[in-house]
N, C-alpha and C. Protein backbone atom coordinates (compact mmCIF):
# COMPACT_ATOMS: atom_id res chain seq x y z
N MET A 1 128.53 -44.15 -39.34
CA MET A 1 129.35 -42.96 -39.10
C MET A 1 128.48 -41.80 -38.63
N PHE A 2 127.49 -41.44 -39.45
CA PHE A 2 126.66 -40.30 -39.11
C PHE A 2 125.68 -40.60 -37.98
N VAL A 3 125.43 -41.90 -37.75
CA VAL A 3 124.56 -42.25 -36.62
C VAL A 3 125.19 -41.75 -35.33
N GLN A 4 126.50 -42.03 -35.16
CA GLN A 4 127.21 -41.58 -33.96
C GLN A 4 127.34 -40.06 -33.95
N LEU A 5 127.61 -39.47 -35.12
CA LEU A 5 127.77 -38.02 -35.18
C LEU A 5 126.46 -37.31 -34.86
N PHE A 6 125.35 -37.88 -35.31
CA PHE A 6 124.05 -37.30 -34.99
C PHE A 6 123.81 -37.28 -33.49
N GLN A 7 124.30 -38.31 -32.81
CA GLN A 7 124.11 -38.38 -31.37
C GLN A 7 124.97 -37.36 -30.63
N SER A 8 126.20 -37.15 -31.13
CA SER A 8 127.12 -36.25 -30.43
C SER A 8 127.01 -34.80 -30.90
N ASN A 9 126.76 -34.59 -32.19
CA ASN A 9 126.69 -33.24 -32.74
C ASN A 9 125.76 -33.23 -33.95
N PRO A 10 124.45 -33.22 -33.72
CA PRO A 10 123.50 -33.33 -34.84
C PRO A 10 123.62 -32.21 -35.85
N LEU A 11 123.97 -31.00 -35.41
CA LEU A 11 124.09 -29.88 -36.33
C LEU A 11 125.26 -30.10 -37.30
N ALA A 12 126.37 -30.60 -36.77
CA ALA A 12 127.53 -30.89 -37.62
C ALA A 12 127.20 -32.01 -38.61
N ALA A 13 126.45 -33.01 -38.17
CA ALA A 13 126.05 -34.10 -39.05
C ALA A 13 125.20 -33.59 -40.20
N LEU A 14 124.26 -32.71 -39.90
CA LEU A 14 123.41 -32.13 -40.95
C LEU A 14 124.24 -31.30 -41.92
N ALA A 15 125.23 -30.57 -41.39
CA ALA A 15 126.07 -29.74 -42.24
C ALA A 15 126.90 -30.60 -43.20
N ILE A 16 127.42 -31.72 -42.69
CA ILE A 16 128.22 -32.61 -43.53
C ILE A 16 127.35 -33.29 -44.59
N ILE A 17 126.15 -33.70 -44.20
CA ILE A 17 125.24 -34.31 -45.17
C ILE A 17 124.88 -33.31 -46.26
N LEU A 18 124.64 -32.05 -45.87
CA LEU A 18 124.38 -31.00 -46.86
C LEU A 18 125.56 -30.88 -47.83
N GLY A 19 126.78 -30.94 -47.27
CA GLY A 19 127.97 -30.86 -48.13
C GLY A 19 128.01 -31.97 -49.15
N PHE A 20 127.67 -33.20 -48.74
CA PHE A 20 127.65 -34.32 -49.67
C PHE A 20 126.55 -34.17 -50.71
N VAL A 21 125.36 -33.75 -50.29
CA VAL A 21 124.25 -33.59 -51.23
C VAL A 21 124.59 -32.53 -52.27
N VAL A 22 125.09 -31.39 -51.81
CA VAL A 22 125.47 -30.32 -52.74
C VAL A 22 126.60 -30.78 -53.65
N GLY A 23 127.62 -31.40 -53.06
CA GLY A 23 128.79 -31.80 -53.83
C GLY A 23 128.49 -32.85 -54.87
N ILE A 24 127.77 -33.91 -54.49
CA ILE A 24 127.47 -34.99 -55.42
C ILE A 24 126.53 -34.50 -56.52
N THR A 25 125.52 -33.71 -56.14
CA THR A 25 124.56 -33.21 -57.12
C THR A 25 125.24 -32.36 -58.18
N ILE A 26 126.02 -31.38 -57.77
CA ILE A 26 126.66 -30.48 -58.72
C ILE A 26 127.75 -31.20 -59.49
N HIS A 27 128.44 -32.12 -58.85
CA HIS A 27 129.48 -32.92 -59.52
C HIS A 27 128.89 -33.69 -60.70
N GLU A 28 127.82 -34.43 -60.45
CA GLU A 28 127.22 -35.23 -61.53
C GLU A 28 126.54 -34.36 -62.57
N ALA A 29 125.92 -33.26 -62.14
CA ALA A 29 125.30 -32.34 -63.11
C ALA A 29 126.36 -31.72 -64.01
N ALA A 30 127.56 -31.47 -63.47
CA ALA A 30 128.64 -30.90 -64.27
C ALA A 30 129.09 -31.90 -65.33
N HIS A 31 129.18 -33.18 -64.97
CA HIS A 31 129.49 -34.20 -65.98
C HIS A 31 128.45 -34.17 -67.10
N ALA A 32 127.18 -34.17 -66.70
CA ALA A 32 126.10 -34.23 -67.68
C ALA A 32 126.08 -32.99 -68.58
N TYR A 33 126.27 -31.83 -67.99
CA TYR A 33 126.22 -30.59 -68.77
C TYR A 33 127.40 -30.51 -69.73
N SER A 34 128.60 -30.86 -69.25
CA SER A 34 129.77 -30.79 -70.13
C SER A 34 129.66 -31.79 -71.28
N ALA A 35 129.11 -32.99 -71.00
CA ALA A 35 128.90 -33.97 -72.06
C ALA A 35 127.93 -33.44 -73.11
N LEU A 36 126.87 -32.78 -72.66
CA LEU A 36 125.90 -32.20 -73.59
C LEU A 36 126.56 -31.15 -74.47
N LYS A 37 127.38 -30.30 -73.88
CA LYS A 37 128.04 -29.25 -74.64
C LYS A 37 129.05 -29.82 -75.64
N LEU A 38 129.54 -31.02 -75.36
CA LEU A 38 130.52 -31.64 -76.25
C LEU A 38 129.88 -32.64 -77.21
N GLY A 39 128.55 -32.65 -77.26
CA GLY A 39 127.88 -33.43 -78.30
C GLY A 39 127.17 -34.68 -77.85
N ASP A 40 127.25 -35.07 -76.58
CA ASP A 40 126.59 -36.29 -76.11
C ASP A 40 125.38 -35.91 -75.26
N ASP A 41 124.19 -36.19 -75.77
CA ASP A 41 122.97 -35.82 -75.05
C ASP A 41 122.38 -36.98 -74.24
N THR A 42 123.16 -38.05 -74.04
CA THR A 42 122.67 -39.22 -73.31
C THR A 42 122.18 -38.86 -71.91
N ALA A 43 123.03 -38.17 -71.14
CA ALA A 43 122.65 -37.78 -69.78
C ALA A 43 121.51 -36.78 -69.80
N TYR A 44 121.50 -35.90 -70.77
CA TYR A 44 120.43 -34.90 -70.88
C TYR A 44 119.08 -35.58 -71.08
N ARG A 45 119.06 -36.60 -71.95
CA ARG A 45 117.80 -37.31 -72.21
C ARG A 45 117.34 -38.11 -70.99
N GLU A 46 118.26 -38.41 -70.09
CA GLU A 46 117.90 -39.12 -68.86
C GLU A 46 117.62 -38.17 -67.71
N GLY A 47 117.54 -36.87 -68.01
CA GLY A 47 117.18 -35.89 -66.99
C GLY A 47 118.28 -35.58 -66.01
N ARG A 48 119.55 -35.71 -66.44
CA ARG A 48 120.65 -35.51 -65.52
C ARG A 48 121.26 -34.10 -65.58
N VAL A 49 120.86 -33.30 -66.56
CA VAL A 49 121.33 -31.92 -66.61
C VAL A 49 120.39 -31.09 -65.74
N THR A 50 120.52 -31.26 -64.46
CA THR A 50 119.63 -30.62 -63.49
C THR A 50 120.33 -30.55 -62.15
N LEU A 51 119.89 -29.61 -61.32
CA LEU A 51 120.42 -29.49 -59.96
C LEU A 51 119.47 -30.12 -58.94
N ASN A 52 118.55 -30.93 -59.42
CA ASN A 52 117.65 -31.67 -58.53
C ASN A 52 118.41 -32.86 -57.94
N PRO A 53 118.66 -32.87 -56.63
CA PRO A 53 119.45 -33.97 -56.02
C PRO A 53 118.85 -35.34 -56.29
N LEU A 54 117.54 -35.44 -56.41
CA LEU A 54 116.91 -36.74 -56.61
C LEU A 54 117.33 -37.38 -57.92
N SER A 55 117.79 -36.57 -58.87
CA SER A 55 118.24 -37.11 -60.16
C SER A 55 119.65 -37.66 -60.10
N HIS A 56 120.38 -37.35 -59.03
CA HIS A 56 121.79 -37.72 -58.97
C HIS A 56 122.15 -38.61 -57.79
N LEU A 57 121.37 -38.60 -56.73
CA LEU A 57 121.70 -39.40 -55.55
C LEU A 57 121.28 -40.84 -55.76
N ASP A 58 122.12 -41.75 -55.33
CA ASP A 58 121.85 -43.18 -55.41
C ASP A 58 121.35 -43.64 -54.04
N LEU A 59 120.26 -44.41 -54.01
CA LEU A 59 119.66 -44.82 -52.74
C LEU A 59 120.65 -45.63 -51.90
N LEU A 60 121.25 -46.66 -52.50
CA LEU A 60 122.19 -47.49 -51.75
C LEU A 60 123.43 -46.68 -51.36
N GLY A 61 123.92 -45.86 -52.28
CA GLY A 61 125.08 -45.03 -51.99
C GLY A 61 124.83 -44.06 -50.85
N SER A 62 123.62 -43.52 -50.80
CA SER A 62 123.26 -42.59 -49.72
C SER A 62 123.15 -43.32 -48.39
N MET A 63 122.58 -44.52 -48.41
CA MET A 63 122.47 -45.31 -47.18
C MET A 63 123.84 -45.70 -46.66
N MET A 64 124.74 -46.08 -47.57
CA MET A 64 126.09 -46.45 -47.17
C MET A 64 126.82 -45.25 -46.57
N LEU A 65 126.58 -44.09 -47.13
CA LEU A 65 127.20 -42.87 -46.60
C LEU A 65 126.74 -42.62 -45.17
N PHE A 66 125.47 -42.83 -44.92
CA PHE A 66 124.89 -42.56 -43.61
C PHE A 66 125.38 -43.56 -42.56
N PHE A 67 125.44 -44.83 -42.95
CA PHE A 67 125.75 -45.86 -41.97
C PHE A 67 127.23 -46.27 -41.94
N ALA A 68 127.92 -46.16 -43.09
CA ALA A 68 129.29 -46.66 -43.16
C ALA A 68 130.34 -45.56 -43.32
N GLY A 69 129.90 -44.35 -43.64
CA GLY A 69 130.85 -43.25 -43.76
C GLY A 69 131.40 -43.05 -45.16
N PHE A 70 130.96 -43.85 -46.12
CA PHE A 70 131.34 -43.62 -47.51
C PHE A 70 130.15 -43.98 -48.40
N GLY A 71 130.07 -43.32 -49.55
CA GLY A 71 128.93 -43.57 -50.43
C GLY A 71 129.22 -43.05 -51.81
N TRP A 72 128.19 -42.95 -52.63
CA TRP A 72 128.37 -42.54 -54.02
C TRP A 72 127.05 -42.03 -54.58
N GLY A 73 127.14 -41.31 -55.69
CA GLY A 73 125.96 -40.88 -56.42
C GLY A 73 125.74 -41.77 -57.63
N ARG A 74 124.69 -41.47 -58.38
CA ARG A 74 124.42 -42.23 -59.61
C ARG A 74 125.42 -41.81 -60.68
N PRO A 75 126.17 -42.75 -61.25
CA PRO A 75 127.12 -42.39 -62.31
C PRO A 75 126.40 -41.74 -63.49
N THR A 76 127.00 -40.71 -64.04
CA THR A 76 126.43 -40.02 -65.19
C THR A 76 126.77 -40.79 -66.46
N PRO A 77 125.76 -41.19 -67.25
CA PRO A 77 126.05 -41.95 -68.48
C PRO A 77 126.66 -41.05 -69.54
N VAL A 78 127.76 -41.51 -70.13
CA VAL A 78 128.45 -40.75 -71.17
C VAL A 78 128.80 -41.69 -72.32
N ARG A 79 128.45 -41.28 -73.53
CA ARG A 79 128.82 -42.01 -74.74
C ARG A 79 130.09 -41.37 -75.31
N LEU A 80 131.22 -42.01 -75.10
CA LEU A 80 132.49 -41.44 -75.54
C LEU A 80 132.54 -41.25 -77.05
N ASP A 81 131.86 -42.13 -77.80
CA ASP A 81 131.91 -42.05 -79.25
C ASP A 81 131.14 -40.85 -79.79
N LYS A 82 130.32 -40.22 -78.94
CA LYS A 82 129.54 -39.07 -79.39
C LYS A 82 130.19 -37.73 -79.00
N LEU A 83 131.25 -37.80 -78.20
CA LEU A 83 131.88 -36.57 -77.73
C LEU A 83 132.80 -35.99 -78.79
N LYS A 84 132.78 -34.67 -78.90
CA LYS A 84 133.71 -33.96 -79.78
C LYS A 84 135.01 -33.68 -79.03
N GLY A 85 136.06 -33.36 -79.80
CA GLY A 85 137.31 -32.95 -79.18
C GLY A 85 138.36 -34.02 -79.08
N GLY A 86 138.14 -35.15 -79.73
CA GLY A 86 139.14 -36.21 -79.67
C GLY A 86 139.36 -36.70 -78.26
N VAL A 87 140.62 -36.92 -77.90
CA VAL A 87 140.93 -37.44 -76.57
C VAL A 87 140.59 -36.42 -75.48
N LEU A 88 140.57 -35.15 -75.83
CA LEU A 88 140.31 -34.11 -74.83
C LEU A 88 138.83 -34.03 -74.45
N GLY A 89 137.94 -34.56 -75.29
CA GLY A 89 136.52 -34.53 -74.97
C GLY A 89 136.20 -35.32 -73.70
N PRO A 90 136.55 -36.61 -73.67
CA PRO A 90 136.30 -37.38 -72.45
C PRO A 90 137.05 -36.84 -71.24
N VAL A 91 138.26 -36.30 -71.46
CA VAL A 91 139.02 -35.73 -70.36
C VAL A 91 138.28 -34.53 -69.77
N ALA A 92 137.74 -33.68 -70.65
CA ALA A 92 137.00 -32.50 -70.19
C ALA A 92 135.77 -32.89 -69.40
N VAL A 93 135.05 -33.90 -69.88
CA VAL A 93 133.85 -34.36 -69.17
C VAL A 93 134.23 -34.94 -67.81
N ALA A 94 135.30 -35.72 -67.78
CA ALA A 94 135.75 -36.32 -66.51
C ALA A 94 136.17 -35.24 -65.52
N PHE A 95 136.90 -34.23 -66.01
CA PHE A 95 137.41 -33.20 -65.10
C PHE A 95 136.32 -32.23 -64.64
N ALA A 96 135.22 -32.15 -65.38
CA ALA A 96 134.14 -31.21 -65.03
C ALA A 96 133.60 -31.48 -63.64
N GLY A 97 133.53 -32.76 -63.24
CA GLY A 97 133.01 -33.08 -61.91
C GLY A 97 133.87 -32.53 -60.79
N PRO A 98 135.16 -32.93 -60.72
CA PRO A 98 136.04 -32.38 -59.69
C PRO A 98 136.16 -30.86 -59.76
N ALA A 99 136.16 -30.31 -60.98
CA ALA A 99 136.25 -28.85 -61.13
C ALA A 99 135.07 -28.16 -60.46
N SER A 100 133.89 -28.78 -60.56
CA SER A 100 132.71 -28.18 -59.91
C SER A 100 132.86 -28.20 -58.39
N ASN A 101 133.51 -29.24 -57.86
CA ASN A 101 133.71 -29.32 -56.41
C ASN A 101 134.67 -28.24 -55.91
N ILE A 102 135.75 -28.00 -56.65
CA ILE A 102 136.68 -26.95 -56.22
C ILE A 102 136.05 -25.57 -56.39
N LEU A 103 135.14 -25.44 -57.36
CA LEU A 103 134.41 -24.17 -57.51
C LEU A 103 133.52 -23.92 -56.29
N ILE A 104 132.91 -24.97 -55.77
CA ILE A 104 132.09 -24.84 -54.56
C ILE A 104 132.96 -24.40 -53.39
N VAL A 105 134.17 -24.95 -53.28
CA VAL A 105 135.09 -24.53 -52.22
C VAL A 105 135.39 -23.04 -52.35
N ALA A 106 135.61 -22.58 -53.58
CA ALA A 106 135.88 -21.15 -53.80
C ALA A 106 134.69 -20.29 -53.39
N ILE A 107 133.49 -20.75 -53.70
CA ILE A 107 132.29 -20.01 -53.30
C ILE A 107 132.17 -19.98 -51.78
N CYS A 108 132.47 -21.10 -51.14
CA CYS A 108 132.44 -21.15 -49.68
C CYS A 108 133.47 -20.20 -49.07
N SER A 109 134.59 -20.03 -49.76
CA SER A 109 135.60 -19.09 -49.29
C SER A 109 135.03 -17.67 -49.25
N ILE A 110 134.27 -17.31 -50.27
CA ILE A 110 133.63 -15.99 -50.30
C ILE A 110 132.58 -15.89 -49.19
N LEU A 111 131.81 -16.96 -49.01
CA LEU A 111 130.78 -16.95 -47.97
C LEU A 111 131.40 -16.88 -46.58
N ALA A 112 132.55 -17.54 -46.40
CA ALA A 112 133.21 -17.49 -45.09
C ALA A 112 133.71 -16.08 -44.78
N ALA A 113 134.11 -15.35 -45.82
CA ALA A 113 134.60 -13.98 -45.62
C ALA A 113 133.49 -13.04 -45.16
N LEU A 114 132.24 -13.46 -45.37
CA LEU A 114 131.12 -12.60 -44.98
C LEU A 114 130.93 -12.52 -43.46
N VAL A 115 131.69 -13.32 -42.70
CA VAL A 115 131.54 -13.26 -41.24
C VAL A 115 131.97 -11.91 -40.70
N ALA A 116 132.64 -11.10 -41.53
CA ALA A 116 132.99 -9.74 -41.11
C ALA A 116 131.75 -8.87 -40.99
N ILE A 117 130.66 -9.33 -41.62
CA ILE A 117 129.39 -8.61 -41.55
C ILE A 117 128.59 -9.18 -40.37
N PRO A 118 128.11 -8.36 -39.46
CA PRO A 118 127.46 -8.85 -38.23
C PRO A 118 126.37 -9.89 -38.47
N VAL A 119 125.55 -9.72 -39.49
CA VAL A 119 124.43 -10.64 -39.71
C VAL A 119 124.91 -12.06 -40.04
N PHE A 120 126.17 -12.21 -40.48
CA PHE A 120 126.71 -13.52 -40.85
C PHE A 120 127.65 -14.09 -39.79
N GLN A 121 127.63 -13.55 -38.59
CA GLN A 121 128.58 -13.97 -37.56
C GLN A 121 128.07 -15.12 -36.70
N SER A 122 127.02 -15.77 -37.13
CA SER A 122 126.49 -16.93 -36.42
C SER A 122 127.45 -18.11 -36.54
N GLY A 123 127.64 -18.81 -35.42
CA GLY A 123 128.49 -20.00 -35.44
C GLY A 123 127.90 -21.09 -36.32
N THR A 124 126.58 -21.17 -36.36
CA THR A 124 125.91 -22.17 -37.20
C THR A 124 126.18 -21.90 -38.67
N TYR A 125 126.12 -20.63 -39.06
CA TYR A 125 126.40 -20.24 -40.45
C TYR A 125 127.80 -20.68 -40.85
N LEU A 126 128.77 -20.39 -40.01
CA LEU A 126 130.15 -20.72 -40.33
C LEU A 126 130.38 -22.23 -40.34
N LEU A 127 129.68 -22.95 -39.46
CA LEU A 127 129.78 -24.41 -39.44
C LEU A 127 129.32 -25.00 -40.77
N PHE A 128 128.19 -24.53 -41.28
CA PHE A 128 127.66 -25.07 -42.53
C PHE A 128 128.57 -24.72 -43.71
N VAL A 129 129.09 -23.49 -43.72
CA VAL A 129 129.99 -23.10 -44.80
C VAL A 129 131.26 -23.95 -44.77
N ALA A 130 131.83 -24.13 -43.58
CA ALA A 130 133.06 -24.92 -43.45
C ALA A 130 132.83 -26.38 -43.81
N ALA A 131 131.67 -26.93 -43.43
CA ALA A 131 131.37 -28.33 -43.73
C ALA A 131 131.20 -28.56 -45.23
N VAL A 132 130.47 -27.67 -45.89
CA VAL A 132 130.28 -27.81 -47.35
C VAL A 132 131.63 -27.69 -48.06
N ALA A 133 132.47 -26.75 -47.61
CA ALA A 133 133.79 -26.58 -48.22
C ALA A 133 134.65 -27.83 -47.99
N TYR A 134 134.64 -28.35 -46.76
CA TYR A 134 135.45 -29.52 -46.44
C TYR A 134 135.06 -30.72 -47.28
N ILE A 135 133.77 -31.00 -47.36
CA ILE A 135 133.30 -32.16 -48.12
C ILE A 135 133.63 -32.01 -49.60
N ASN A 136 133.51 -30.81 -50.14
CA ASN A 136 133.79 -30.63 -51.57
C ASN A 136 135.28 -30.66 -51.87
N ALA A 137 136.11 -30.20 -50.95
CA ALA A 137 137.56 -30.38 -51.12
C ALA A 137 137.89 -31.87 -51.09
N LEU A 138 137.22 -32.60 -50.21
CA LEU A 138 137.40 -34.05 -50.12
C LEU A 138 136.99 -34.73 -51.42
N LEU A 139 135.84 -34.34 -51.96
CA LEU A 139 135.36 -34.93 -53.22
C LEU A 139 136.29 -34.58 -54.37
N PHE A 140 136.84 -33.37 -54.36
CA PHE A 140 137.76 -32.93 -55.41
C PHE A 140 139.00 -33.83 -55.43
N VAL A 141 139.62 -34.00 -54.28
CA VAL A 141 140.85 -34.80 -54.20
C VAL A 141 140.56 -36.28 -54.45
N PHE A 142 139.50 -36.79 -53.81
CA PHE A 142 139.18 -38.21 -53.93
C PHE A 142 138.89 -38.59 -55.38
N ASN A 143 138.10 -37.78 -56.06
CA ASN A 143 137.72 -38.13 -57.43
C ASN A 143 138.86 -37.99 -58.42
N LEU A 144 139.93 -37.30 -58.05
CA LEU A 144 141.09 -37.18 -58.93
C LEU A 144 142.10 -38.30 -58.71
N LEU A 145 141.84 -39.21 -57.77
CA LEU A 145 142.71 -40.37 -57.63
C LEU A 145 142.64 -41.21 -58.90
N PRO A 146 143.78 -41.63 -59.45
CA PRO A 146 143.77 -42.36 -60.73
C PRO A 146 143.42 -43.84 -60.58
N ILE A 147 142.30 -44.09 -59.95
CA ILE A 147 141.83 -45.46 -59.74
C ILE A 147 140.42 -45.57 -60.30
N PRO A 148 140.18 -46.44 -61.28
CA PRO A 148 138.83 -46.60 -61.81
C PRO A 148 137.85 -47.02 -60.72
N PRO A 149 136.62 -46.54 -60.74
CA PRO A 149 136.01 -45.73 -61.80
C PRO A 149 136.09 -44.22 -61.55
N LEU A 150 137.01 -43.76 -60.72
CA LEU A 150 137.09 -42.35 -60.39
C LEU A 150 137.52 -41.52 -61.60
N ASP A 151 137.19 -40.24 -61.57
CA ASP A 151 137.47 -39.35 -62.70
C ASP A 151 138.96 -39.26 -63.00
N GLY A 152 139.79 -39.33 -61.95
CA GLY A 152 141.23 -39.23 -62.16
C GLY A 152 141.77 -40.27 -63.11
N SER A 153 141.19 -41.47 -63.07
CA SER A 153 141.65 -42.53 -63.97
C SER A 153 141.32 -42.19 -65.42
N LYS A 154 140.15 -41.61 -65.65
CA LYS A 154 139.75 -41.24 -67.02
C LYS A 154 140.65 -40.14 -67.57
N ILE A 155 141.12 -39.27 -66.68
CA ILE A 155 142.00 -38.18 -67.11
C ILE A 155 143.41 -38.71 -67.39
N VAL A 156 143.97 -39.46 -66.44
CA VAL A 156 145.35 -39.94 -66.57
C VAL A 156 145.47 -41.00 -67.66
N PHE A 157 144.54 -41.97 -67.69
CA PHE A 157 144.65 -43.07 -68.64
C PHE A 157 144.55 -42.59 -70.09
N ALA A 158 143.88 -41.45 -70.31
CA ALA A 158 143.72 -40.94 -71.67
C ALA A 158 145.06 -40.55 -72.29
N PHE A 159 146.06 -40.27 -71.46
CA PHE A 159 147.35 -39.80 -71.97
C PHE A 159 148.45 -40.85 -71.87
N LEU A 160 148.11 -42.05 -71.42
CA LEU A 160 149.12 -43.10 -71.33
C LEU A 160 149.42 -43.66 -72.72
N PRO A 161 150.65 -44.10 -72.96
CA PRO A 161 150.99 -44.68 -74.27
C PRO A 161 150.24 -46.00 -74.49
N ARG A 162 150.04 -46.33 -75.75
CA ARG A 162 149.29 -47.54 -76.09
C ARG A 162 149.95 -48.79 -75.54
N SER A 163 151.24 -48.73 -75.30
CA SER A 163 151.94 -49.90 -74.75
C SER A 163 151.44 -50.28 -73.37
N LEU A 164 150.75 -49.32 -72.70
CA LEU A 164 150.21 -49.59 -71.37
C LEU A 164 148.74 -49.98 -71.40
N ASP A 165 148.21 -50.26 -72.57
CA ASP A 165 146.80 -50.67 -72.69
C ASP A 165 146.47 -51.90 -71.84
N PRO A 166 147.35 -52.92 -71.77
CA PRO A 166 147.04 -54.06 -70.88
C PRO A 166 146.89 -53.63 -69.42
N PHE A 167 147.74 -52.72 -68.97
CA PHE A 167 147.63 -52.20 -67.60
C PHE A 167 146.31 -51.48 -67.40
N VAL A 168 145.91 -50.68 -68.40
CA VAL A 168 144.65 -49.93 -68.31
C VAL A 168 143.47 -50.89 -68.23
N ARG A 169 143.51 -51.96 -69.04
CA ARG A 169 142.41 -52.94 -69.01
C ARG A 169 142.31 -53.61 -67.65
N VAL A 170 143.46 -53.97 -67.08
CA VAL A 170 143.46 -54.60 -65.76
C VAL A 170 142.91 -53.64 -64.71
N MET A 171 143.34 -52.39 -64.77
CA MET A 171 142.88 -51.41 -63.80
C MET A 171 141.39 -51.14 -63.94
N ASN A 172 140.90 -51.07 -65.17
CA ASN A 172 139.47 -50.85 -65.37
C ASN A 172 138.65 -52.02 -64.85
N GLN A 173 139.23 -53.22 -64.90
CA GLN A 173 138.53 -54.41 -64.42
C GLN A 173 138.56 -54.52 -62.91
N TYR A 174 139.73 -54.23 -62.32
CA TYR A 174 139.90 -54.47 -60.88
C TYR A 174 139.96 -53.19 -60.05
N GLY A 175 139.99 -52.04 -60.72
CA GLY A 175 140.07 -50.77 -60.00
C GLY A 175 138.99 -50.58 -58.95
N PRO A 176 137.72 -50.86 -59.26
CA PRO A 176 136.68 -50.69 -58.24
C PRO A 176 136.92 -51.52 -56.99
N PHE A 177 137.48 -52.72 -57.16
CA PHE A 177 137.76 -53.57 -55.99
C PHE A 177 138.95 -53.02 -55.20
N ILE A 178 139.94 -52.48 -55.91
CA ILE A 178 141.08 -51.85 -55.24
C ILE A 178 140.60 -50.66 -54.42
N LEU A 179 139.73 -49.85 -55.03
CA LEU A 179 139.20 -48.67 -54.35
C LEU A 179 138.38 -49.06 -53.12
N LEU A 180 137.53 -50.06 -53.29
CA LEU A 180 136.73 -50.54 -52.16
C LEU A 180 137.62 -51.06 -51.05
N GLY A 181 138.69 -51.77 -51.43
CA GLY A 181 139.62 -52.27 -50.42
C GLY A 181 140.29 -51.15 -49.65
N LEU A 182 140.69 -50.09 -50.35
CA LEU A 182 141.31 -48.94 -49.69
C LEU A 182 140.35 -48.31 -48.69
N VAL A 183 139.09 -48.18 -49.09
CA VAL A 183 138.09 -47.58 -48.20
C VAL A 183 137.88 -48.44 -46.97
N ILE A 184 137.75 -49.75 -47.17
CA ILE A 184 137.47 -50.66 -46.06
C ILE A 184 138.62 -50.67 -45.05
N VAL A 185 139.85 -50.82 -45.53
CA VAL A 185 140.98 -50.89 -44.60
C VAL A 185 141.24 -49.55 -43.93
N SER A 186 140.85 -48.45 -44.60
CA SER A 186 141.08 -47.13 -44.02
C SER A 186 140.02 -46.76 -42.99
N ILE A 187 138.76 -47.03 -43.31
CA ILE A 187 137.67 -46.61 -42.43
C ILE A 187 137.41 -47.65 -41.34
N TRP A 188 137.34 -48.90 -41.71
CA TRP A 188 136.94 -49.93 -40.75
C TRP A 188 138.12 -50.54 -39.99
N LEU A 189 139.30 -50.56 -40.60
CA LEU A 189 140.47 -51.13 -39.93
C LEU A 189 141.40 -50.07 -39.38
N GLY A 190 141.15 -48.82 -39.73
CA GLY A 190 141.93 -47.72 -39.18
C GLY A 190 143.31 -47.55 -39.78
N LEU A 191 143.59 -48.21 -40.90
CA LEU A 191 144.89 -48.03 -41.55
C LEU A 191 144.89 -46.73 -42.34
N PRO A 192 146.05 -46.06 -42.47
CA PRO A 192 146.06 -44.68 -42.97
C PRO A 192 146.15 -44.51 -44.48
N PHE A 193 145.89 -45.57 -45.26
CA PHE A 193 146.09 -45.46 -46.70
C PHE A 193 145.28 -44.31 -47.32
N LEU A 194 144.00 -44.26 -47.01
CA LEU A 194 143.14 -43.25 -47.62
C LEU A 194 143.49 -41.86 -47.11
N SER A 195 143.80 -41.74 -45.83
CA SER A 195 144.14 -40.43 -45.28
C SER A 195 145.40 -39.88 -45.92
N ILE A 196 146.34 -40.76 -46.28
CA ILE A 196 147.56 -40.32 -46.96
C ILE A 196 147.23 -39.80 -48.36
N LEU A 197 146.37 -40.54 -49.07
CA LEU A 197 145.99 -40.12 -50.41
C LEU A 197 145.20 -38.81 -50.39
N LEU A 198 144.50 -38.55 -49.28
CA LEU A 198 143.68 -37.34 -49.19
C LEU A 198 144.41 -36.19 -48.48
N THR A 199 145.71 -36.32 -48.31
CA THR A 199 146.50 -35.28 -47.65
C THR A 199 146.30 -33.88 -48.25
N PRO A 200 146.12 -33.73 -49.58
CA PRO A 200 145.96 -32.38 -50.14
C PRO A 200 144.72 -31.62 -49.66
N VAL A 201 143.77 -32.30 -49.02
CA VAL A 201 142.52 -31.62 -48.63
C VAL A 201 142.81 -30.44 -47.70
N ALA A 202 143.60 -30.67 -46.65
CA ALA A 202 143.88 -29.60 -45.68
C ALA A 202 144.57 -28.40 -46.31
N PRO A 203 145.62 -28.59 -47.13
CA PRO A 203 146.23 -27.42 -47.78
C PRO A 203 145.27 -26.66 -48.70
N ILE A 204 144.38 -27.39 -49.36
CA ILE A 204 143.40 -26.72 -50.23
C ILE A 204 142.49 -25.81 -49.40
N LEU A 205 142.00 -26.33 -48.29
CA LEU A 205 141.12 -25.52 -47.43
C LEU A 205 141.87 -24.32 -46.87
N GLU A 206 143.13 -24.53 -46.50
CA GLU A 206 143.94 -23.43 -45.98
C GLU A 206 144.18 -22.38 -47.06
N LEU A 207 144.42 -22.84 -48.29
CA LEU A 207 144.64 -21.93 -49.41
C LEU A 207 143.43 -21.03 -49.63
N PHE A 208 142.23 -21.60 -49.47
CA PHE A 208 141.01 -20.82 -49.68
C PHE A 208 140.55 -20.10 -48.42
N GLY A 209 141.29 -20.23 -47.34
CA GLY A 209 140.94 -19.51 -46.13
C GLY A 209 139.72 -20.05 -45.41
N ILE A 210 139.46 -21.35 -45.56
CA ILE A 210 138.32 -21.98 -44.91
C ILE A 210 138.71 -22.33 -43.48
N PRO A 211 137.93 -21.93 -42.48
CA PRO A 211 138.27 -22.25 -41.08
C PRO A 211 138.11 -23.73 -40.80
N PRO A 212 138.82 -24.28 -39.79
CA PRO A 212 138.68 -25.69 -39.43
C PRO A 212 137.22 -26.04 -39.13
N LEU A 213 136.81 -27.24 -39.54
CA LEU A 213 135.41 -27.64 -39.42
C LEU A 213 134.94 -27.65 -37.98
N PHE A 214 135.76 -28.19 -37.08
CA PHE A 214 135.36 -28.29 -35.69
C PHE A 214 136.20 -27.40 -34.78
N GLY A 215 136.83 -26.40 -35.40
CA GLY A 215 137.62 -25.46 -34.63
C GLY A 215 138.98 -26.03 -34.28
N GLY A 216 139.88 -25.15 -33.83
CA GLY A 216 141.21 -25.61 -33.43
C GLY A 216 142.14 -25.76 -34.60
């Protein structure tokens, strides 16, 4: 994906990569920090309560992002039995990641407003702000999909009645394959399943006043 984008628009490719690095790093650090605050120091002891991208980026996930257009970071280890807050503890830790992404979009909204100041009127500046906002809105919506191992599943499944435990077990077992299948048929086969699920991204960017990434 980015190989072709680098050839046609290298600056835009760099801006999008920056968006992923910022988004994944802060997303995983938010999981680790919230878990620490709720009593689980597992991620802290593994050096994950940090904004150092090297602690959160996965080598294979980064390579897949560059060559295939989708990727992932290193999952943050969480011991659910050590978290305080009952059922709300794991939910809070799960939601901390997507919440950090929407916070980045809000910050980008403020940065985009600075174009009223002459020193910030560079097209390159606005491109990078829009790209970081776009990628983080994408990460926010994508991670809230209720498909394991995404954060949305940890949030939704926590409130399902016990009678649905068999469904939850099946989803936890096969969810990653379902997710991978959605990505493959959407990106490589051109079917619109993923784009439909990610429909909220555009309204979120519009709500925050983020300009279109490539104009128009």
